[in-house]
Amino acid sequence: LTEANMKGESNWKLEYILTQAYDIKDLQPESL
């Protein structure tokens, strides 16, 4: 939002992929 307000335009980006960010195999209860 800070960048968007400065530039006057929006640029949506991928923030993270959950399994890759935390090195887990899936989103099952045991993994979390």
PDB file of all heavy atoms in Angstrom:
ATOM      1  N   LEU A   1       0.813  -1.211   0.000  1.00  0.00           N
ATOM      2  CA  LEU A   1       0.000   0.000   0.000  1.00  0.00           C
ATOM      3  C   LEU A   1       0.853   1.272   0.000  1.00  0.00           C
ATOM      4  O   LEU A   1       0.511   2.260  -0.653  1.00  0.00           O
ATOM      5  CB  LEU A   1      -0.930  -0.007   1.213  1.00  0.00           C
ATOM      6  CG  LEU A   1      -2.191   0.851   1.139  1.00  0.00           C
ATOM      7  CD1 LEU A   1      -3.037   0.483  -0.058  1.00  0.00           C
ATOM      8  CD2 LEU A   1      -3.003   0.693   2.425  1.00  0.00           C
ATOM      9  N   THR A   2       1.969   1.226   0.732  1.00  0.00           N
ATOM     10  CA  THR A   2       2.872   2.380   0.766  1.00  0.00           C
ATOM     11  C   THR A   2       3.403   2.677  -0.628  1.00  0.00           C
ATOM     12  O   THR A   2       3.392   3.824  -1.097  1.00  0.00           O
ATOM     13  CB  THR A   2       4.042   2.118   1.732  1.00  0.00           C
ATOM     14  OG1 THR A   2       3.528   1.744   3.012  1.00  0.00           O
ATOM     15  CG2 THR A   2       4.920   3.351   1.877  1.00  0.00           C
ATOM     16  N   GLU A   3       3.842   1.628  -1.298  1.00  0.00           N
ATOM     17  CA  GLU A   3       4.373   1.767  -2.662  1.00  0.00           C
ATOM     18  C   GLU A   3       3.288   2.226  -3.630  1.00  0.00           C
ATOM     19  O   GLU A   3       3.518   3.102  -4.481  1.00  0.00           O
ATOM     20  CB  GLU A   3       4.952   0.419  -3.109  1.00  0.00           C
ATOM     21  CG  GLU A   3       5.597   0.415  -4.471  1.00  0.00           C
ATOM     22  CD  GLU A   3       6.076  -0.984  -4.859  1.00  0.00           C
ATOM     23  OE1 GLU A   3       7.218  -1.334  -4.515  1.00  0.00           O
ATOM     24  OE2 GLU A   3       5.281  -1.724  -5.481  1.00  0.00           O
ATOM     25  N   ALA A   4       2.097   1.665  -3.486  1.00  0.00           N
ATOM     26  CA  ALA A   4       0.981   2.016  -4.376  1.00  0.00           C
ATOM     27  C   ALA A   4       0.598   3.485  -4.219  1.00  0.00           C
ATOM     28  O   ALA A   4       0.304   4.171  -5.206  1.00  0.00           O
ATOM     29  CB  ALA A   4      -0.213   1.116  -4.090  1.00  0.00           C
ATOM     30  N   ASN A   5       0.603   3.982  -2.988  1.00  0.00           N
ATOM     31  CA  ASN A   5       0.264   5.388  -2.747  1.00  0.00           C
ATOM     32  C   ASN A   5       1.330   6.330  -3.302  1.00  0.00           C
ATOM     33  O   ASN A   5       1.022   7.412  -3.810  1.00  0.00           O
ATOM     34  CB  ASN A   5       0.079   5.639  -1.245  1.00  0.00           C
ATOM     35  CG  ASN A   5      -1.240   5.078  -0.732  1.00  0.00           C
ATOM     36  OD1 ASN A   5      -2.212   5.014  -1.469  1.00  0.00           O
ATOM     37  ND2 ASN A   5      -1.271   4.669   0.520  1.00  0.00           N
ATOM     38  N   MET A   6       2.581   5.900  -3.228  1.00  0.00           N
ATOM     39  CA  MET A   6       3.675   6.726  -3.750  1.00  0.00           C
ATOM     40  C   MET A   6       3.639   6.806  -5.276  1.00  0.00           C
ATOM     41  O   MET A   6       3.825   7.869  -5.874  1.00  0.00           O
ATOM     42  CB  MET A   6       5.023   6.155  -3.290  1.00  0.00           C
ATOM     43  CG  MET A   6       5.347   6.444  -1.825  1.00  0.00           C
ATOM     44  SD  MET A   6       6.812   5.534  -1.232  1.00  0.00           S
ATOM     45  CE  MET A   6       8.007   5.921  -2.487  1.00  0.00           C
ATOM     46  N   LYS A   7       3.358   5.657  -5.917  1.00  0.00           N
ATOM     47  CA  LYS A   7       3.379   5.589  -7.374  1.00  0.00           C
ATOM     48  C   LYS A   7       2.038   5.938  -8.014  1.00  0.00           C
ATOM     49  O   LYS A   7       1.966   6.190  -9.218  1.00  0.00           O
ATOM     50  CB  LYS A   7       3.815   4.195  -7.829  1.00  0.00           C
ATOM     51  CG  LYS A   7       5.255   3.853  -7.473  1.00  0.00           C
ATOM     52  CD  LYS A   7       5.634   2.481  -8.008  1.00  0.00           C
ATOM     53  CE  LYS A   7       7.096   2.161  -7.734  1.00  0.00           C
ATOM     54  NZ  LYS A   7       7.462   0.804  -8.210  1.00  0.00           N
ATOM     55  N   GLY A   8       0.986   5.899  -7.214  1.00  0.00           N
ATOM     56  CA  GLY A   8      -0.337   6.180  -7.753  1.00  0.00           C
ATOM     57  C   GLY A   8      -0.891   5.065  -8.608  1.00  0.00           C
ATOM     58  O   GLY A   8      -1.787   5.285  -9.428  1.00  0.00           O
ATOM     59  N   GLU A   9      -0.380   3.850  -8.416  1.00  0.00           N
ATOM     60  CA  GLU A   9      -0.885   2.682  -9.156  1.00  0.00           C
ATOM     61  C   GLU A   9      -0.697   1.428  -8.304  1.00  0.00           C
ATOM     62  O   GLU A   9       0.181   1.365  -7.436  1.00  0.00           O
ATOM     63  CB  GLU A   9      -0.148   2.524 -10.492  1.00  0.00           C
ATOM     64  CG  GLU A   9       1.352   2.328 -10.350  1.00  0.00           C
ATOM     65  CD  GLU A   9       2.059   2.236 -11.691  1.00  0.00           C
ATOM     66  OE1 GLU A   9       1.644   2.932 -12.636  1.00  0.00           O
ATOM     67  OE2 GLU A   9       3.039   1.472 -11.779  1.00  0.00           O
ATOM     68  N   SER A  10      -1.548   0.444  -8.551  1.00  0.00           N
ATOM     69  CA  SER A  10      -1.500  -0.794  -7.766  1.00  0.00           C
ATOM     70  C   SER A  10      -0.752  -1.884  -8.521  1.00  0.00           C
ATOM     71  O   SER A  10      -0.893  -2.010  -9.744  1.00  0.00           O
ATOM     72  CB  SER A  10      -2.917  -1.269  -7.427  1.00  0.00           C
ATOM     73  OG  SER A  10      -3.657  -1.495  -8.609  1.00  0.00           O
ATOM     74  N   ASN A  11       0.034  -2.646  -7.787  1.00  0.00           N
ATOM     75  CA  ASN A  11       0.786  -3.751  -8.361  1.00  0.00           C
ATOM     76  C   ASN A  11       0.721  -4.938  -7.399  1.00  0.00           C
ATOM     77  O   ASN A  11       1.535  -5.054  -6.484  1.00  0.00           O
ATOM     78  CB  ASN A  11       2.239  -3.330  -8.610  1.00  0.00           C
ATOM     79  CG  ASN A  11       3.059  -4.447  -9.252  1.00  0.00           C
ATOM     80  OD1 ASN A  11       2.497  -5.360  -9.871  1.00  0.00           O
ATOM     81  ND2 ASN A  11       4.368  -4.395  -9.094  1.00  0.00           N
ATOM     82  N   TRP A  12      -0.274  -5.781  -7.621  1.00  0.00           N
ATOM     83  CA  TRP A  12      -0.456  -6.943  -6.740  1.00  0.00           C
ATOM     84  C   TRP A  12       0.632  -7.978  -7.014  1.00  0.00           C
ATOM     85  O   TRP A  12       0.940  -8.284  -8.159  1.00  0.00           O
ATOM     86  CB  TRP A  12      -1.827  -7.560  -6.951  1.00  0.00           C
ATOM     87  CG  TRP A  12      -2.937  -6.724  -6.389  1.00  0.00           C
ATOM     88  CD1 TRP A  12      -3.510  -5.623  -6.957  1.00  0.00           C
ATOM     89  CD2 TRP A  12      -3.582  -6.910  -5.135  1.00  0.00           C
ATOM     90  NE1 TRP A  12      -4.483  -5.118  -6.140  1.00  0.00           N
ATOM     91  CE2 TRP A  12      -4.560  -5.885  -5.010  1.00  0.00           C
ATOM     92  CE3 TRP A  12      -3.451  -7.839  -4.102  1.00  0.00           C
ATOM     93  CZ2 TRP A  12      -5.386  -5.767  -3.898  1.00  0.00           C
ATOM     94  CZ3 TRP A  12      -4.284  -7.723  -2.985  1.00  0.00           C
ATOM     95  CH2 TRP A  12      -5.226  -6.703  -2.898  1.00  0.00           C
ATOM     96  N   LYS A  13       1.197  -8.534  -5.931  1.00  0.00           N
ATOM     97  CA  LYS A  13       2.291  -9.498  -6.048  1.00  0.00           C
ATOM     98  C   LYS A  13       2.014 -10.732  -5.194  1.00  0.00           C
ATOM     99  O   LYS A  13       1.241 -10.675  -4.236  1.00  0.00           O
ATOM    100  CB  LYS A  13       3.612  -8.866  -5.576  1.00  0.00           C
ATOM    101  CG  LYS A  13       4.043  -7.629  -6.336  1.00  0.00           C
ATOM    102  CD  LYS A  13       5.278  -7.020  -5.684  1.00  0.00           C
ATOM    103  CE  LYS A  13       5.693  -5.715  -6.346  1.00  0.00           C
ATOM    104  NZ  LYS A  13       6.829  -5.079  -5.631  1.00  0.00           N
ATOM    105  N   LEU A  14       2.692 -11.814  -5.553  1.00  0.00           N
ATOM    106  CA  LEU A  14       2.665 -13.007  -4.713  1.00  0.00           C
ATOM    107  C   LEU A  14       3.496 -12.733  -3.458  1.00  0.00           C
ATOM    108  O   LEU A  14       4.680 -12.404  -3.559  1.00  0.00           O
ATOM    109  CB  LEU A  14       3.228 -14.206  -5.478  1.00  0.00           C
ATOM    110  CG  LEU A  14       3.317 -15.521  -4.701  1.00  0.00           C
ATOM    111  CD1 LEU A  14       1.937 -16.068  -4.369  1.00  0.00           C
ATOM    112  CD2 LEU A  14       4.108 -16.559  -5.516  1.00  0.00           C
ATOM    113  N   GLU A  15       2.878 -12.840  -2.309  1.00  0.00           N
ATOM    114  CA  GLU A  15       3.619 -12.623  -1.059  1.00  0.00           C
ATOM    115  C   GLU A  15       4.344 -13.902  -0.635  1.00  0.00           C
ATOM    116  O   GLU A  15       5.527 -13.886  -0.341  1.00  0.00           O
ATOM    117  CB  GLU A  15       2.661 -12.171   0.046  1.00  0.00           C
ATOM    118  CG  GLU A  15       3.386 -11.824   1.343  1.00  0.00           C
ATOM    119  CD  GLU A  15       2.428 -11.513   2.488  1.00  0.00           C
ATOM    120  OE1 GLU A  15       1.240 -11.904   2.404  1.00  0.00           O
ATOM    121  OE2 GLU A  15       2.874 -10.898   3.463  1.00  0.00           O
ATOM    122  N   TYR A  16       3.597 -15.014  -0.614  1.00  0.00           N
ATOM    123  CA  TYR A  16       4.229 -16.300  -0.269  1.00  0.00           C
ATOM    124  C   TYR A  16       3.338 -17.461  -0.671  1.00  0.00           C
ATOM    125  O   TYR A  16       2.128 -17.304  -0.853  1.00  0.00           O
ATOM    126  CB  TYR A  16       4.554 -16.379   1.228  1.00  0.00           C
ATOM    127  CG  TYR A  16       3.347 -16.474   2.147  1.00  0.00           C
ATOM    128  CD1 TYR A  16       2.826 -17.703   2.544  1.00  0.00           C
ATOM    129  CD2 TYR A  16       2.746 -15.314   2.659  1.00  0.00           C
ATOM    130  CE1 TYR A  16       1.736 -17.787   3.401  1.00  0.00           C
ATOM    131  CE2 TYR A  16       1.660 -15.381   3.512  1.00  0.00           C
ATOM    132  CZ  TYR A  16       1.155 -16.626   3.877  1.00  0.00           C
ATOM    133  OH  TYR A  16       0.070 -16.711   4.726  1.00  0.00           O
ATOM    134  N   ILE A  17       3.960 -18.616  -0.826  1.00  0.00           N
ATOM    135  CA  ILE A  17       3.270 -19.894  -0.988  1.00  0.00           C
ATOM    136  C   ILE A  17       3.497 -20.650   0.314  1.00  0.00           C
ATOM    137  O   ILE A  17       4.644 -20.848   0.723  1.00  0.00           O
ATOM    138  CB  ILE A  17       3.804 -20.688  -2.190  1.00  0.00           C
ATOM    139  CG1 ILE A  17       3.595 -19.872  -3.478  1.00  0.00           C
ATOM    140  CG2 ILE A  17       3.124 -22.045  -2.289  1.00  0.00           C
ATOM    141  CD1 ILE A  17       4.257 -20.487  -4.699  1.00  0.00           C
ATOM    142  N   LEU A  18       2.439 -21.056   0.979  1.00  0.00           N
ATOM    143  CA  LEU A  18       2.545 -21.500   2.362  1.00  0.00           C
ATOM    144  C   LEU A  18       3.505 -22.668   2.551  1.00  0.00           C
ATOM    145  O   LEU A  18       4.360 -22.636   3.436  1.00  0.00           O
ATOM    146  CB  LEU A  18       1.159 -21.844   2.915  1.00  0.00           C
ATOM    147  CG  LEU A  18       1.050 -21.890   4.440  1.00  0.00           C
ATOM    148  CD1 LEU A  18      -0.316 -21.404   4.907  1.00  0.00           C
ATOM    149  CD2 LEU A  18       1.302 -23.275   4.990  1.00  0.00           C
ATOM    150  N   THR A  19       3.388 -23.710   1.736  1.00  0.00           N
ATOM    151  CA  THR A  19       4.257 -24.873   1.934  1.00  0.00           C
ATOM    152  C   THR A  19       5.728 -24.534   1.697  1.00  0.00           C
ATOM    153  O   THR A  19       6.612 -25.054   2.386  1.00  0.00           O
ATOM    154  CB  THR A  19       3.857 -26.033   1.009  1.00  0.00           C
ATOM    155  OG1 THR A  19       3.912 -25.589  -0.358  1.00  0.00           O
ATOM    156  CG2 THR A  19       2.461 -26.548   1.317  1.00  0.00           C
ATOM    157  N   GLN A  20       5.990 -23.651   0.728  1.00  0.00           N
ATOM    158  CA  GLN A  20       7.368 -23.269   0.432  1.00  0.00           C
ATOM    159  C   GLN A  20       7.924 -22.325   1.491  1.00  0.00           C
ATOM    160  O   GLN A  20       9.101 -22.427   1.880  1.00  0.00           O
ATOM    161  CB  GLN A  20       7.452 -22.614  -0.946  1.00  0.00           C
ATOM    162  CG  GLN A  20       7.119 -23.555  -2.095  1.00  0.00           C
ATOM    163  CD  GLN A  20       7.167 -22.873  -3.451  1.00  0.00           C
ATOM    164  OE1 GLN A  20       7.756 -21.797  -3.600  1.00  0.00           O
ATOM    165  NE2 GLN A  20       6.545 -23.481  -4.447  1.00  0.00           N
ATOM    166  N   ALA A  21       7.103 -21.419   1.973  1.00  0.00           N
ATOM    167  CA  ALA A  21       7.555 -20.444   2.970  1.00  0.00           C
ATOM    168  C   ALA A  21       7.981 -21.125   4.261  1.00  0.00           C
ATOM    169  O   ALA A  21       8.943 -20.697   4.914  1.00  0.00           O
ATOM    170  CB  ALA A  21       6.452 -19.430   3.247  1.00  0.00           C
ATOM    171  N   TYR A  22       7.261 -22.201   4.630  1.00  0.00           N
ATOM    172  CA  TYR A  22       7.527 -22.847   5.919  1.00  0.00           C
ATOM    173  C   TYR A  22       8.093 -24.254   5.797  1.00  0.00           C
ATOM    174  O   TYR A  22       8.284 -24.936   6.815  1.00  0.00           O
ATOM    175  CB  TYR A  22       6.232 -22.890   6.741  1.00  0.00           C
ATOM    176  CG  TYR A  22       5.679 -21.525   7.064  1.00  0.00           C
ATOM    177  CD1 TYR A  22       4.431 -21.126   6.579  1.00  0.00           C
ATOM    178  CD2 TYR A  22       6.385 -20.622   7.853  1.00  0.00           C
ATOM    179  CE1 TYR A  22       3.907 -19.871   6.880  1.00  0.00           C
ATOM    180  CE2 TYR A  22       5.879 -19.367   8.151  1.00  0.00           C
ATOM    181  CZ  TYR A  22       4.644 -19.000   7.663  1.00  0.00           C
ATOM    182  OH  TYR A  22       4.141 -17.765   7.958  1.00  0.00           O
ATOM    183  N   ASP A  23       8.336 -24.693   4.567  1.00  0.00           N
ATOM    184  CA  ASP A  23       8.916 -26.021   4.319  1.00  0.00           C
ATOM    185  C   ASP A  23       8.077 -27.126   4.969  1.00  0.00           C
ATOM    186  O   ASP A  23       8.571 -27.950   5.738  1.00  0.00           O
ATOM    187  CB  ASP A  23      10.359 -26.068   4.828  1.00  0.00           C
ATOM    188  CG  ASP A  23      11.101 -27.328   4.351  1.00  0.00           C
ATOM    189  OD1 ASP A  23      10.728 -27.859   3.288  1.00  0.00           O
ATOM    190  OD2 ASP A  23      12.030 -27.768   5.054  1.00  0.00           O
ATOM    191  N   ILE A  24       6.773 -27.119   4.654  1.00  0.00           N
ATOM    192  CA  ILE A  24       5.887 -28.200   5.091  1.00  0.00           C
ATOM    193  C   ILE A  24       5.263 -28.841   3.854  1.00  0.00           C
ATOM    194  O   ILE A  24       5.246 -28.248   2.781  1.00  0.00           O
ATOM    195  CB  ILE A  24       4.795 -27.700   6.059  1.00  0.00           C
ATOM    196  CG1 ILE A  24       3.951 -26.586   5.416  1.00  0.00           C
ATOM    197  CG2 ILE A  24       5.412 -27.223   7.369  1.00  0.00           C
ATOM    198  CD1 ILE A  24       2.780 -26.113   6.283  1.00  0.00           C
ATOM    199  N   LYS A  25       4.736 -30.059   4.004  1.00  0.00           N
ATOM    200  CA  LYS A  25       4.313 -30.809   2.811  1.00  0.00           C
ATOM    201  C   LYS A  25       2.915 -30.452   2.321  1.00  0.00           C
ATOM    202  O   LYS A  25       2.615 -30.571   1.126  1.00  0.00           O
ATOM    203  CB  LYS A  25       4.419 -32.323   3.042  1.00  0.00           C
ATOM    204  CG  LYS A  25       3.456 -32.886   4.058  1.00  0.00           C
ATOM    205  CD  LYS A  25       3.557 -34.422   4.073  1.00  0.00           C
ATOM    206  CE  LYS A  25       2.514 -35.034   5.009  1.00  0.00           C
ATOM    207  NZ  LYS A  25       2.518 -36.518   4.943  1.00  0.00           N
ATOM    208  N   ASP A  26       2.020 -30.025   3.253  1.00  0.00           N
ATOM    209  CA  ASP A  26       0.655 -29.685   2.849  1.00  0.00           C
ATOM    210  C   ASP A  26       0.012 -28.850   3.945  1.00  0.00           C
ATOM    211  O   ASP A  26       0.704 -28.397   4.871  1.00  0.00           O
ATOM    212  CB  ASP A  26      -0.169 -30.945   2.549  1.00  0.00           C
ATOM    213  CG  ASP A  26      -0.174 -31.944   3.704  1.00  0.00           C
ATOM    214  OD1 ASP A  26      -0.086 -31.507   4.876  1.00  0.00           O
ATOM    215  OD2 ASP A  26      -0.279 -33.158   3.450  1.00  0.00           O
ATOM    216  N   LEU A  27      -1.303 -28.665   3.849  1.00  0.00           N
ATOM    217  CA  LEU A  27      -2.016 -27.830   4.815  1.00  0.00           C
ATOM    218  C   LEU A  27      -2.850 -28.666   5.788  1.00  0.00           C
ATOM    219  O   LEU A  27      -3.765 -28.150   6.435  1.00  0.00           O
ATOM    220  CB  LEU A  27      -2.926 -26.839   4.082  1.00  0.00           C
ATOM    221  CG  LEU A  27      -2.312 -25.504   3.630  1.00  0.00           C
ATOM    222  CD1 LEU A  27      -1.087 -25.717   2.772  1.00  0.00           C
ATOM    223  CD2 LEU A  27      -3.335 -24.651   2.901  1.00  0.00           C
ATOM    224  N   GLN A  28      -2.519 -29.938   5.905  1.00  0.00           N
ATOM    225  CA  GLN A  28      -3.260 -30.804   6.805  1.00  0.00           C
ATOM    226  C   GLN A  28      -2.947 -30.472   8.267  1.00  0.00           C
ATOM    227  O   GLN A  28      -1.905 -29.890   8.570  1.00  0.00           O
ATOM    228  CB  GLN A  28      -2.933 -32.263   6.503  1.00  0.00           C
ATOM    229  CG  GLN A  28      -3.448 -32.734   5.149  1.00  0.00           C
ATOM    230  CD  GLN A  28      -4.926 -32.411   4.978  1.00  0.00           C
ATOM    231  OE1 GLN A  28      -5.774 -32.943   5.683  1.00  0.00           O
ATOM    232  NE2 GLN A  28      -5.248 -31.522   4.047  1.00  0.00           N
ATOM    233  N   PRO A  29      -3.870 -30.821   9.178  1.00  0.00           N
ATOM    234  CA  PRO A  29      -3.697 -30.440  10.590  1.00  0.00           C
ATOM    235  C   PRO A  29      -2.355 -30.864  11.179  1.00  0.00           C
ATOM    236  O   PRO A  29      -1.739 -30.112  11.934  1.00  0.00           O
ATOM    237  CB  PRO A  29      -4.856 -31.162  11.283  1.00  0.00           C
ATOM    238  CG  PRO A  29      -5.886 -31.363  10.223  1.00  0.00           C
ATOM    239  CD  PRO A  29      -5.140 -31.539   8.941  1.00  0.00           C
ATOM    240  N   GLU A  30      -1.895 -32.057  10.826  1.00  0.00           N
ATOM    241  CA  GLU A  30      -0.619 -32.540  11.369  1.00  0.00           C
ATOM    242  C   GLU A  30       0.538 -31.648  10.929  1.00  0.00           C
ATOM    243  O   GLU A  30       1.445 -31.352  11.707  1.00  0.00           O
ATOM    244  CB  GLU A  30      -0.364 -33.987  10.928  1.00  0.00           C
ATOM    245  CG  GLU A  30      -1.386 -35.003  11.410  1.00  0.00           C
ATOM    246  CD  GLU A  30      -2.655 -35.051  10.560  1.00  0.00           C
ATOM    247  OE1 GLU A  30      -2.709 -34.334   9.525  1.00  0.00           O
ATOM    248  OE2 GLU A  30      -3.590 -35.775  10.922  1.00  0.00           O
ATOM    249  N   SER A  31       0.500 -31.206   9.673  1.00  0.00           N
ATOM    250  CA  SER A  31       1.561 -30.348   9.145  1.00  0.00           C
ATOM    251  C   SER A  31       1.561 -28.988   9.843  1.00  0.00           C
ATOM    252  O   SER A  31       2.613 -28.468  10.223  1.00  0.00           O
ATOM    253  CB  SER A  31       1.404 -30.164   7.631  1.00  0.00           C
ATOM    254  OG  SER A  31       1.511 -31.395   6.954  1.00  0.00           O
ATOM    255  N   LEU A  32       0.367 -28.398   9.998  1.00  0.00           N
ATOM    256  CA  LEU A  32       0.275 -27.088  10.638  1.00  0.00           C
ATOM    257  C   LEU A  32       0.609 -27.173  12.126  1.00  0.00           C
ATOM    258  O   LEU A  32       1.219 -26.246  12.693  1.00  0.00           O
ATOM    259  CB  LEU A  32      -1.124 -26.499  10.453  1.00  0.00           C
ATOM    260  CG  LEU A  32      -1.537 -26.156   9.019  1.00  0.00           C
ATOM    261  CD1 LEU A  32      -2.878 -25.428   9.020  1.00  0.00           C
ATOM    262  CD2 LEU A  32      -0.489 -25.311   8.317  1.00  0.00           C
TER     263      LEU A  32
END
